[in-house]
Amino acid sequence: MARSTRITIETNSLLIFRGQTSSRLWCTRCAEEVEMFTLENIAVLSNLPAHEVDEWLNSGDLHRSQTPEGTELICLNSLLARLGSPT
Protein backbone atom coordinates (compact mmCIF):
# COMPACT_ATOMS: atom_id res chain seq x y z
CA MET A 1 0.00 0.00 0.00
CA ALA A 2 1.44 3.37 -1.03
CA ARG A 3 1.77 6.12 1.55
CA SER A 4 0.31 9.52 0.82
CA THR A 5 0.79 12.88 2.41
CA ARG A 6 -1.82 15.58 2.43
CA ILE A 7 -0.64 19.16 2.73
CA THR A 8 -3.19 21.89 3.41
CA ILE A 9 -2.22 25.51 3.07
CA GLU A 10 -4.58 28.04 4.55
CA THR A 11 -4.21 31.70 3.66
CA ASN A 12 -5.99 34.90 4.55
CA SER A 13 -5.83 38.17 2.73
CA LEU A 14 -6.99 41.67 3.43
CA LEU A 15 -7.48 44.41 0.91
CA ILE A 16 -8.02 47.95 2.14
CA PHE A 17 -8.90 50.74 -0.24
CA ARG A 18 -7.85 54.16 0.89
CA GLY A 19 -9.95 57.03 -0.18
CA GLN A 20 -12.30 59.66 1.10
CA THR A 21 -13.72 57.28 3.70
CA SER A 22 -10.55 57.11 5.81
CA SER A 23 -8.15 59.50 7.48
CA ARG A 24 -4.78 59.07 9.16
CA LEU A 25 -5.23 60.40 12.67
CA TRP A 26 -3.77 59.87 16.12
CA CYS A 27 -5.30 57.02 18.16
CA THR A 28 -4.74 57.69 21.84
CA ARG A 29 -5.14 54.01 22.78
CA CYS A 30 -2.68 52.76 20.12
CA ALA A 31 -0.43 55.78 20.76
CA GLU A 32 0.27 56.13 17.05
CA GLU A 33 -1.09 57.56 13.83
CA VAL A 34 -3.52 55.08 12.27
CA GLU A 35 -6.23 54.85 9.64
CA MET A 36 -9.57 55.94 11.08
CA PHE A 37 -12.96 55.19 9.56
CA THR A 38 -16.36 56.63 10.22
CA LEU A 39 -18.79 54.52 12.15
CA GLU A 40 -20.98 54.13 9.05
CA ASN A 41 -18.11 52.47 7.15
CA ILE A 42 -17.24 49.94 9.85
CA ALA A 43 -20.16 47.65 9.00
CA VAL A 44 -19.05 47.67 5.37
CA LEU A 45 -15.39 47.00 6.22
CA SER A 46 -16.12 44.28 8.74
CA ASN A 47 -19.04 42.74 6.81
CA LEU A 48 -20.93 42.49 10.09
CA PRO A 49 -24.57 43.24 10.80
CA ALA A 50 -25.17 46.54 12.60
CA HIS A 51 -26.11 44.86 15.91
CA GLU A 52 -22.75 43.04 16.03
CA VAL A 53 -20.87 46.26 15.32
CA ASP A 54 -22.80 47.83 18.22
CA GLU A 55 -21.78 44.93 20.48
CA TRP A 56 -18.13 45.42 19.53
CA LEU A 57 -18.38 49.16 20.20
CA ASN A 58 -19.99 48.56 23.58
CA SER A 59 -17.36 45.96 24.51
CA GLY A 60 -14.62 48.59 24.35
CA ASP A 61 -12.54 46.51 21.92
CA LEU A 62 -12.75 49.16 19.21
CA HIS A 63 -10.83 52.39 19.73
CA ARG A 64 -13.03 55.45 19.23
CA SER A 65 -12.24 59.04 18.50
CA GLN A 66 -14.35 62.03 17.61
CA THR A 67 -13.73 64.88 15.20
CA PRO A 68 -14.38 68.49 16.28
CA GLU A 69 -17.53 68.31 14.11
CA GLY A 70 -18.79 65.36 16.19
CA THR A 71 -18.19 62.55 13.68
CA GLU A 72 -17.29 59.31 15.45
CA LEU A 73 -14.22 57.52 14.09
CA ILE A 74 -12.97 53.98 14.68
CA CYS A 75 -9.32 52.91 14.65
CA LEU A 76 -8.52 50.40 11.89
CA ASN A 77 -5.88 48.67 14.07
CA SER A 78 -8.44 47.89 16.74
CA LEU A 79 -10.94 46.69 14.13
CA LEU A 80 -8.38 44.35 12.58
CA ALA A 81 -7.39 43.05 16.02
CA ARG A 82 -11.04 42.39 16.85
CA LEU A 83 -11.69 40.68 13.52
CA GLY A 84 -8.72 38.38 14.15
CA SER A 85 -9.66 37.43 17.71
CA PRO A 86 -12.16 34.72 18.60
CA THR A 87 -15.55 35.87 19.82
PDB file of N, CA and C in Angstrom:
ATOM      1  N   MET A   1       0.843  -1.181   0.000  1.00  0.00           N
ATOM      2  CA  MET A   1       0.000   0.000   0.000  1.00  0.00           C
ATOM      3  C   MET A   1       0.892   1.248   0.000  1.00  0.00           C
ATOM      4  N   ALA A   2       0.639   2.152  -0.906  1.00  0.00           N
ATOM      5  CA  ALA A   2       1.438   3.374  -1.031  1.00  0.00           C
ATOM      6  C   ALA A   2       1.040   4.380   0.035  1.00  0.00           C
ATOM      7  N   ARG A   3       2.032   5.078   0.558  1.00  0.00           N
ATOM      8  CA  ARG A   3       1.768   6.118   1.546  1.00  0.00           C
ATOM      9  C   ARG A   3       1.483   7.432   0.825  1.00  0.00           C
ATOM     10  N   SER A   4       0.596   8.204   1.400  1.00  0.00           N
ATOM     11  CA  SER A   4       0.310   9.517   0.823  1.00  0.00           C
ATOM     12  C   SER A   4       0.390  10.572   1.913  1.00  0.00           C
ATOM     13  N   THR A   5       0.707  11.749   1.498  1.00  0.00           N
ATOM     14  CA  THR A   5       0.794  12.883   2.414  1.00  0.00           C
ATOM     15  C   THR A   5      -0.128  13.968   1.901  1.00  0.00           C
ATOM     16  N   ARG A   6      -0.926  14.477   2.791  1.00  0.00           N
ATOM     17  CA  ARG A   6      -1.819  15.576   2.426  1.00  0.00           C
ATOM     18  C   ARG A   6      -1.286  16.848   3.065  1.00  0.00           C
ATOM     19  N   ILE A   7      -1.106  17.866   2.257  1.00  0.00           N
ATOM     20  CA  ILE A   7      -0.644  19.165   2.733  1.00  0.00           C
ATOM     21  C   ILE A   7      -1.750  20.172   2.472  1.00  0.00           C
ATOM     22  N   THR A   8      -2.158  20.857   3.527  1.00  0.00           N
ATOM     23  CA  THR A   8      -3.188  21.887   3.413  1.00  0.00           C
ATOM     24  C   THR A   8      -2.559  23.229   3.740  1.00  0.00           C
ATOM     25  N   ILE A   9      -2.736  24.155   2.851  1.00  0.00           N
ATOM     26  CA  ILE A   9      -2.223  25.509   3.068  1.00  0.00           C
ATOM     27  C   ILE A   9      -3.424  26.441   3.192  1.00  0.00           C
ATOM     28  N   GLU A  10      -3.483  27.122   4.301  1.00  0.00           N
ATOM     29  CA  GLU A  10      -4.582  28.044   4.548  1.00  0.00           C
ATOM     30  C   GLU A  10      -4.034  29.461   4.519  1.00  0.00           C
ATOM     31  N   THR A  11      -4.672  30.316   3.758  1.00  0.00           N
ATOM     32  CA  THR A  11      -4.209  31.697   3.661  1.00  0.00           C
ATOM     33  C   THR A  11      -5.364  32.655   3.911  1.00  0.00           C
ATOM     34  N   ASN A  12      -5.027  33.818   4.368  1.00  0.00           N
ATOM     35  CA  ASN A  12      -5.988  34.903   4.552  1.00  0.00           C
ATOM     36  C   ASN A  12      -5.429  36.124   3.853  1.00  0.00           C
ATOM     37  N   SER A  13      -6.295  36.929   3.333  1.00  0.00           N
ATOM     38  CA  SER A  13      -5.832  38.171   2.729  1.00  0.00           C
ATOM     39  C   SER A  13      -6.763  39.301   3.125  1.00  0.00           C
ATOM     40  N   LEU A  14      -6.233  40.486   3.076  1.00  0.00           N
ATOM     41  CA  LEU A  14      -6.988  41.672   3.434  1.00  0.00           C
ATOM     42  C   LEU A  14      -6.647  42.748   2.426  1.00  0.00           C
ATOM     43  N   LEU A  15      -7.663  43.345   1.873  1.00  0.00           N
ATOM     44  CA  LEU A  15      -7.479  44.413   0.906  1.00  0.00           C
ATOM     45  C   LEU A  15      -8.187  45.649   1.443  1.00  0.00           C
ATOM     46  N   ILE A  16      -7.446  46.710   1.607  1.00  0.00           N
ATOM     47  CA  ILE A  16      -8.020  47.946   2.138  1.00  0.00           C
ATOM     48  C   ILE A  16      -7.838  49.034   1.093  1.00  0.00           C
ATOM     49  N   PHE A  17      -8.937  49.631   0.703  1.00  0.00           N
ATOM     50  CA  PHE A  17      -8.903  50.739  -0.240  1.00  0.00           C
ATOM     51  C   PHE A  17      -8.865  52.029   0.548  1.00  0.00           C
ATOM     52  N   ARG A  18      -7.920  52.866   0.232  1.00  0.00           N
ATOM     53  CA  ARG A  18      -7.846  54.160   0.890  1.00  0.00           C
ATOM     54  C   ARG A  18      -8.526  55.172  -0.005  1.00  0.00           C
ATOM     55  N   GLY A  19      -9.267  56.022   0.596  1.00  0.00           N
ATOM     56  CA  GLY A  19      -9.955  57.034  -0.181  1.00  0.00           C
ATOM     57  C   GLY A  19     -10.552  58.074   0.728  1.00  0.00           C
ATOM     58  N   GLN A  20     -11.659  58.605   0.327  1.00  0.00           N
ATOM     59  CA  GLN A  20     -12.301  59.659   1.101  1.00  0.00           C
ATOM     60  C   GLN A  20     -12.949  59.143   2.375  1.00  0.00           C
ATOM     61  N   THR A  21     -13.047  57.823   2.525  1.00  0.00           N
ATOM     62  CA  THR A  21     -13.719  57.279   3.701  1.00  0.00           C
ATOM     63  C   THR A  21     -12.778  57.082   4.879  1.00  0.00           C
ATOM     64  N   SER A  22     -11.484  57.303   4.710  1.00  0.00           N
ATOM     65  CA  SER A  22     -10.551  57.113   5.812  1.00  0.00           C
ATOM     66  C   SER A  22      -9.649  58.331   5.976  1.00  0.00           C
ATOM     67  N   SER A  23      -9.086  58.425   7.166  1.00  0.00           N
ATOM     68  CA  SER A  23      -8.153  59.500   7.484  1.00  0.00           C
ATOM     69  C   SER A  23      -7.052  58.921   8.352  1.00  0.00           C
ATOM     70  N   ARG A  24      -5.858  59.461   8.239  1.00  0.00           N
ATOM     71  CA  ARG A  24      -4.783  59.069   9.158  1.00  0.00           C
ATOM     72  C   ARG A  24      -4.791  60.068  10.301  1.00  0.00           C
ATOM     73  N   LEU A  25      -5.136  59.567  11.476  1.00  0.00           N
ATOM     74  CA  LEU A  25      -5.229  60.399  12.666  1.00  0.00           C
ATOM     75  C   LEU A  25      -4.579  59.686  13.841  1.00  0.00           C
ATOM     76  N   TRP A  26      -4.377  60.423  14.915  1.00  0.00           N
ATOM     77  CA  TRP A  26      -3.768  59.872  16.124  1.00  0.00           C
ATOM     78  C   TRP A  26      -4.803  59.093  16.929  1.00  0.00           C
ATOM     79  N   CYS A  27      -4.461  57.835  17.264  1.00  0.00           N
ATOM     80  CA  CYS A  27      -5.295  57.023  18.158  1.00  0.00           C
ATOM     81  C   CYS A  27      -4.633  57.049  19.524  1.00  0.00           C
ATOM     82  N   THR A  28      -5.328  57.568  20.509  1.00  0.00           N
ATOM     83  CA  THR A  28      -4.740  57.690  21.843  1.00  0.00           C
ATOM     84  C   THR A  28      -4.496  56.323  22.487  1.00  0.00           C
ATOM     85  N   ARG A  29      -5.318  55.344  22.187  1.00  0.00           N
ATOM     86  CA  ARG A  29      -5.137  54.013  22.785  1.00  0.00           C
ATOM     87  C   ARG A  29      -4.013  53.235  22.123  1.00  0.00           C
ATOM     88  N   CYS A  30      -3.813  53.408  20.818  1.00  0.00           N
ATOM     89  CA  CYS A  30      -2.678  52.764  20.124  1.00  0.00           C
ATOM     90  C   CYS A  30      -1.396  53.569  20.324  1.00  0.00           C
ATOM     91  N   ALA A  31      -1.548  54.850  20.624  1.00  0.00           N
ATOM     92  CA  ALA A  31      -0.434  55.783  20.764  1.00  0.00           C
ATOM     93  C   ALA A  31       0.368  55.882  19.472  1.00  0.00           C
ATOM     94  N   GLU A  32      -0.364  55.950  18.347  1.00  0.00           N
ATOM     95  CA  GLU A  32       0.270  56.130  17.046  1.00  0.00           C
ATOM     96  C   GLU A  32      -0.750  56.645  16.037  1.00  0.00           C
ATOM     97  N   GLU A  33      -0.226  57.101  14.910  1.00  0.00           N
ATOM     98  CA  GLU A  33      -1.088  57.562  13.831  1.00  0.00           C
ATOM     99  C   GLU A  33      -1.588  56.341  13.072  1.00  0.00           C
ATOM    100  N   VAL A  34      -2.903  56.248  12.901  1.00  0.00           N
ATOM    101  CA  VAL A  34      -3.516  55.080  12.266  1.00  0.00           C
ATOM    102  C   VAL A  34      -4.617  55.523  11.299  1.00  0.00           C
ATOM    103  N   GLU A  35      -5.070  54.600  10.487  1.00  0.00           N
ATOM    104  CA  GLU A  35      -6.229  54.850   9.636  1.00  0.00           C
ATOM    105  C   GLU A  35      -7.469  54.851  10.532  1.00  0.00           C
ATOM    106  N   MET A  36      -8.316  55.838  10.333  1.00  0.00           N
ATOM    107  CA  MET A  36      -9.569  55.938  11.081  1.00  0.00           C
ATOM    108  C   MET A  36     -10.713  55.965  10.078  1.00  0.00           C
ATOM    109  N   PHE A  37     -11.789  55.269  10.416  1.00  0.00           N
ATOM    110  CA  PHE A  37     -12.957  55.192   9.556  1.00  0.00           C
ATOM    111  C   PHE A  37     -14.182  55.652  10.314  1.00  0.00           C
ATOM    112  N   THR A  38     -15.118  56.211   9.585  1.00  0.00           N
ATOM    113  CA  THR A  38     -16.363  56.628  10.225  1.00  0.00           C
ATOM    114  C   THR A  38     -17.145  55.398  10.657  1.00  0.00           C
ATOM    115  N   LEU A  39     -17.979  55.596  11.620  1.00  0.00           N
ATOM    116  CA  LEU A  39     -18.791  54.516  12.154  1.00  0.00           C
ATOM    117  C   LEU A  39     -19.641  53.869  11.065  1.00  0.00           C
ATOM    118  N   GLU A  40     -20.127  54.662  10.123  1.00  0.00           N
ATOM    119  CA  GLU A  40     -20.977  54.134   9.055  1.00  0.00           C
ATOM    120  C   GLU A  40     -20.207  53.148   8.169  1.00  0.00           C
ATOM    121  N   ASN A  41     -18.907  53.339   8.024  1.00  0.00           N
ATOM    122  CA  ASN A  41     -18.112  52.474   7.152  1.00  0.00           C
ATOM    123  C   ASN A  41     -17.636  51.193   7.832  1.00  0.00           C
ATOM    124  N   ILE A  42     -17.727  51.126   9.148  1.00  0.00           N
ATOM    125  CA  ILE A  42     -17.236  49.942   9.854  1.00  0.00           C
ATOM    126  C   ILE A  42     -18.032  48.701   9.484  1.00  0.00           C
ATOM    127  N   ALA A  43     -19.343  48.815   9.376  1.00  0.00           N
ATOM    128  CA  ALA A  43     -20.157  47.654   9.004  1.00  0.00           C
ATOM    129  C   ALA A  43     -19.782  47.151   7.618  1.00  0.00           C
ATOM    130  N   VAL A  44     -19.460  48.067   6.723  1.00  0.00           N
ATOM    131  CA  VAL A  44     -19.050  47.675   5.368  1.00  0.00           C
ATOM    132  C   VAL A  44     -17.689  46.990   5.414  1.00  0.00           C
ATOM    133  N   LEU A  45     -16.738  47.568   6.147  1.00  0.00           N
ATOM    134  CA  LEU A  45     -15.386  47.000   6.221  1.00  0.00           C
ATOM    135  C   LEU A  45     -15.362  45.652   6.912  1.00  0.00           C
ATOM    136  N   SER A  46     -16.144  45.509   7.963  1.00  0.00           N
ATOM    137  CA  SER A  46     -16.118  44.278   8.740  1.00  0.00           C
ATOM    138  C   SER A  46     -17.077  43.230   8.214  1.00  0.00           C
ATOM    139  N   ASN A  47     -18.024  43.636   7.355  1.00  0.00           N
ATOM    140  CA  ASN A  47     -19.036  42.737   6.814  1.00  0.00           C
ATOM    141  C   ASN A  47     -19.897  42.142   7.933  1.00  0.00           C
ATOM    142  N   LEU A  48     -20.122  42.925   8.956  1.00  0.00           N
ATOM    143  CA  LEU A  48     -20.932  42.488  10.089  1.00  0.00           C
ATOM    144  C   LEU A  48     -22.266  43.204  10.098  1.00  0.00           C
ATOM    145  N   PRO A  49     -23.291  42.549  10.628  1.00  0.00           N
ATOM    146  CA  PRO A  49     -24.573  43.241  10.805  1.00  0.00           C
ATOM    147  C   PRO A  49     -24.417  44.370  11.827  1.00  0.00           C
ATOM    148  N   ALA A  50     -25.265  45.357  11.731  1.00  0.00           N
ATOM    149  CA  ALA A  50     -25.172  46.543  12.602  1.00  0.00           C
ATOM    150  C   ALA A  50     -25.209  46.181  14.084  1.00  0.00           C
ATOM    151  N   HIS A  51     -26.018  45.198  14.478  1.00  0.00           N
ATOM    152  CA  HIS A  51     -26.111  44.857  15.911  1.00  0.00           C
ATOM    153  C   HIS A  51     -24.799  44.277  16.440  1.00  0.00           C
ATOM    154  N   GLU A  52     -24.047  43.559  15.596  1.00  0.00           N
ATOM    155  CA  GLU A  52     -22.749  43.036  16.034  1.00  0.00           C
ATOM    156  C   GLU A  52     -21.719  44.152  16.144  1.00  0.00           C
ATOM    157  N   VAL A  53     -21.763  45.099  15.235  1.00  0.00           N
ATOM    158  CA  VAL A  53     -20.867  46.256  15.324  1.00  0.00           C
ATOM    159  C   VAL A  53     -21.155  47.002  16.618  1.00  0.00           C
ATOM    160  N   ASP A  54     -22.427  47.176  16.957  1.00  0.00           N
ATOM    161  CA  ASP A  54     -22.799  47.831  18.221  1.00  0.00           C
ATOM    162  C   ASP A  54     -22.253  47.065  19.421  1.00  0.00           C
ATOM    163  N   GLU A  55     -22.318  45.739  19.384  1.00  0.00           N
ATOM    164  CA  GLU A  55     -21.777  44.928  20.482  1.00  0.00           C
ATOM    165  C   GLU A  55     -20.272  45.151  20.625  1.00  0.00           C
ATOM    166  N   TRP A  56     -19.568  45.187  19.491  1.00  0.00           N
ATOM    167  CA  TRP A  56     -18.130  45.420  19.531  1.00  0.00           C
ATOM    168  C   TRP A  56     -17.817  46.804  20.089  1.00  0.00           C
ATOM    169  N   LEU A  57     -18.591  47.801  19.690  1.00  0.00           N
ATOM    170  CA  LEU A  57     -18.378  49.156  20.197  1.00  0.00           C
ATOM    171  C   LEU A  57     -18.621  49.217  21.698  1.00  0.00           C
ATOM    172  N   ASN A  58     -19.663  48.552  22.153  1.00  0.00           N
ATOM    173  CA  ASN A  58     -19.994  48.563  23.579  1.00  0.00           C
ATOM    174  C   ASN A  58     -19.012  47.744  24.403  1.00  0.00           C
ATOM    175  N   SER A  59     -18.321  46.783  23.782  1.00  0.00           N
ATOM    176  CA  SER A  59     -17.359  45.955  24.507  1.00  0.00           C
ATOM    177  C   SER A  59     -16.076  46.727  24.836  1.00  0.00           C
ATOM    178  N   GLY A  60     -15.840  47.817  24.126  1.00  0.00           N
ATOM    179  CA  GLY A  60     -14.621  48.591  24.352  1.00  0.00           C
ATOM    180  C   GLY A  60     -13.433  48.089  23.548  1.00  0.00           C
ATOM    181  N   ASP A  61     -13.636  47.052  22.724  1.00  0.00           N
ATOM    182  CA  ASP A  61     -12.542  46.509  21.924  1.00  0.00           C
ATOM    183  C   ASP A  61     -12.118  47.451  20.797  1.00  0.00           C
ATOM    184  N   LEU A  62     -13.052  48.249  20.296  1.00  0.00           N
ATOM    185  CA  LEU A  62     -12.747  49.163  19.206  1.00  0.00           C
ATOM    186  C   LEU A  62     -12.374  50.531  19.778  1.00  0.00           C
ATOM    187  N   HIS A  63     -11.291  51.077  19.279  1.00  0.00           N
ATOM    188  CA  HIS A  63     -10.830  52.393  19.731  1.00  0.00           C
ATOM    189  C   HIS A  63     -11.634  53.471  19.013  1.00  0.00           C
ATOM    190  N   ARG A  64     -12.193  54.374  19.781  1.00  0.00           N
ATOM    191  CA  ARG A  64     -13.031  55.451  19.233  1.00  0.00           C
ATOM    192  C   ARG A  64     -12.331  56.796  19.360  1.00  0.00           C
ATOM    193  N   SER A  65     -12.691  57.659  18.455  1.00  0.00           N
ATOM    194  CA  SER A  65     -12.236  59.038  18.498  1.00  0.00           C
ATOM    195  C   SER A  65     -13.353  59.881  17.912  1.00  0.00           C
ATOM    196  N   GLN A  66     -13.307  61.164  18.141  1.00  0.00           N
ATOM    197  CA  GLN A  66     -14.352  62.028  17.613  1.00  0.00           C
ATOM    198  C   GLN A  66     -13.722  63.282  17.022  1.00  0.00           C
ATOM    199  N   THR A  67     -14.213  63.672  15.848  1.00  0.00           N
ATOM    200  CA  THR A  67     -13.727  64.883  15.204  1.00  0.00           C
ATOM    201  C   THR A  67     -14.341  66.093  15.896  1.00  0.00           C
ATOM    202  N   PRO A  68     -13.783  67.285  15.702  1.00  0.00           N
ATOM    203  CA  PRO A  68     -14.383  68.487  16.277  1.00  0.00           C
ATOM    204  C   PRO A  68     -15.828  68.705  15.808  1.00  0.00           C
ATOM    205  N   GLU A  69     -16.155  68.171  14.625  1.00  0.00           N
ATOM    206  CA  GLU A  69     -17.526  68.308  14.108  1.00  0.00           C
ATOM    207  C   GLU A  69     -18.476  67.303  14.732  1.00  0.00           C
ATOM    208  N   GLY A  70     -17.951  66.341  15.512  1.00  0.00           N
ATOM    209  CA  GLY A  70     -18.788  65.358  16.187  1.00  0.00           C
ATOM    210  C   GLY A  70     -18.898  64.013  15.489  1.00  0.00           C
ATOM    211  N   THR A  71     -18.166  63.825  14.388  1.00  0.00           N
ATOM    212  CA  THR A  71     -18.190  62.551  13.683  1.00  0.00           C
ATOM    213  C   THR A  71     -17.383  61.520  14.463  1.00  0.00           C
ATOM    214  N   GLU A  72     -17.982  60.366  14.712  1.00  0.00           N
ATOM    215  CA  GLU A  72     -17.286  59.313  15.448  1.00  0.00           C
ATOM    216  C   GLU A  72     -16.419  58.501  14.488  1.00  0.00           C
ATOM    217  N   LEU A  73     -15.171  58.265  14.898  1.00  0.00           N
ATOM    218  CA  LEU A  73     -14.218  57.523  14.088  1.00  0.00           C
ATOM    219  C   LEU A  73     -13.753  56.292  14.855  1.00  0.00           C
ATOM    220  N   ILE A  74     -13.441  55.230  14.100  1.00  0.00           N
ATOM    221  CA  ILE A  74     -12.972  53.983  14.685  1.00  0.00           C
ATOM    222  C   ILE A  74     -11.590  53.668  14.125  1.00  0.00           C
ATOM    223  N   CYS A  75     -10.702  53.243  14.996  1.00  0.00           N
ATOM    224  CA  CYS A  75      -9.315  52.911  14.647  1.00  0.00           C
ATOM    225  C   CYS A  75      -9.271  51.589  13.871  1.00  0.00           C
ATOM    226  N   LEU A  76      -8.622  51.609  12.711  1.00  0.00           N
ATOM    227  CA  LEU A  76      -8.516  50.403  11.894  1.00  0.00           C
ATOM    228  C   LEU A  76      -7.720  49.315  12.607  1.00  0.00           C
ATOM    229  N   ASN A  77      -6.665  49.675  13.336  1.00  0.00           N
ATOM    230  CA  ASN A  77      -5.876  48.674  14.067  1.00  0.00           C
ATOM    231  C   ASN A  77      -6.735  47.890  15.043  1.00  0.00           C
ATOM    232  N   SER A  78      -7.592  48.577  15.769  1.00  0.00           N
ATOM    233  CA  SER A  78      -8.437  47.887  16.740  1.00  0.00           C
ATOM    234  C   SER A  78      -9.484  47.032  16.036  1.00  0.00           C
ATOM    235  N   LEU A  79      -9.977  47.488  14.897  1.00  0.00           N
ATOM    236  CA  LEU A  79     -10.937  46.692  14.131  1.00  0.00           C
ATOM    237  C   LEU A  79     -10.293  45.413  13.615  1.00  0.00           C
ATOM    238  N   LEU A  80      -9.080  45.532  13.079  1.00  0.00           N
ATOM    239  CA  LEU A  80      -8.376  44.348  12.579  1.00  0.00           C
ATOM    240  C   LEU A  80      -8.053  43.379  13.709  1.00  0.00           C
ATOM    241  N   ALA A  81      -7.660  43.911  14.871  1.00  0.00           N
ATOM    242  CA  ALA A  81      -7.390  43.047  16.019  1.00  0.00           C
ATOM    243  C   ALA A  81      -8.652  42.315  16.446  1.00  0.00           C
ATOM    244  N   ARG A  82      -9.771  43.014  16.448  1.00  0.00           N
ATOM    245  CA  ARG A  82     -11.042  42.394  16.847  1.00  0.00           C
ATOM    246  C   ARG A  82     -11.506  41.372  15.822  1.00  0.00           C
ATOM    247  N   LEU A  83     -11.304  41.638  14.553  1.00  0.00           N
ATOM    248  CA  LEU A  83     -11.689  40.683  13.516  1.00  0.00           C
ATOM    249  C   LEU A  83     -10.852  39.410  13.608  1.00  0.00           C
ATOM    250  N   GLY A  84      -9.608  39.538  14.054  1.00  0.00           N
ATOM    251  CA  GLY A  84      -8.719  38.380  14.147  1.00  0.00           C
ATOM    252  C   GLY A  84      -8.848  37.595  15.431  1.00  0.00           C
ATOM    253  N   SER A  85      -9.536  38.129  16.429  1.00  0.00           N
ATOM    254  CA  SER A  85      -9.657  37.434  17.706  1.00  0.00           C
ATOM    255  C   SER A  85     -10.949  36.629  17.755  1.00  0.00           C
ATOM    256  N   PRO A  86     -10.930  35.516  18.485  1.00  0.00           N
ATOM    257  CA  PRO A  86     -12.157  34.722  18.597  1.00  0.00           C
ATOM    258  C   PRO A  86     -13.207  35.459  19.399  1.00  0.00           C
ATOM    259  N   THR A  87     -14.471  35.199  19.102  1.00  0.00           N
ATOM    260  CA  THR A  87     -15.551  35.869  19.821  1.00  0.00           C
ATOM    261  C   THR A  87     -15.852  35.197  21.128  1.00  0.00           C
TER     262      THR A  87
END
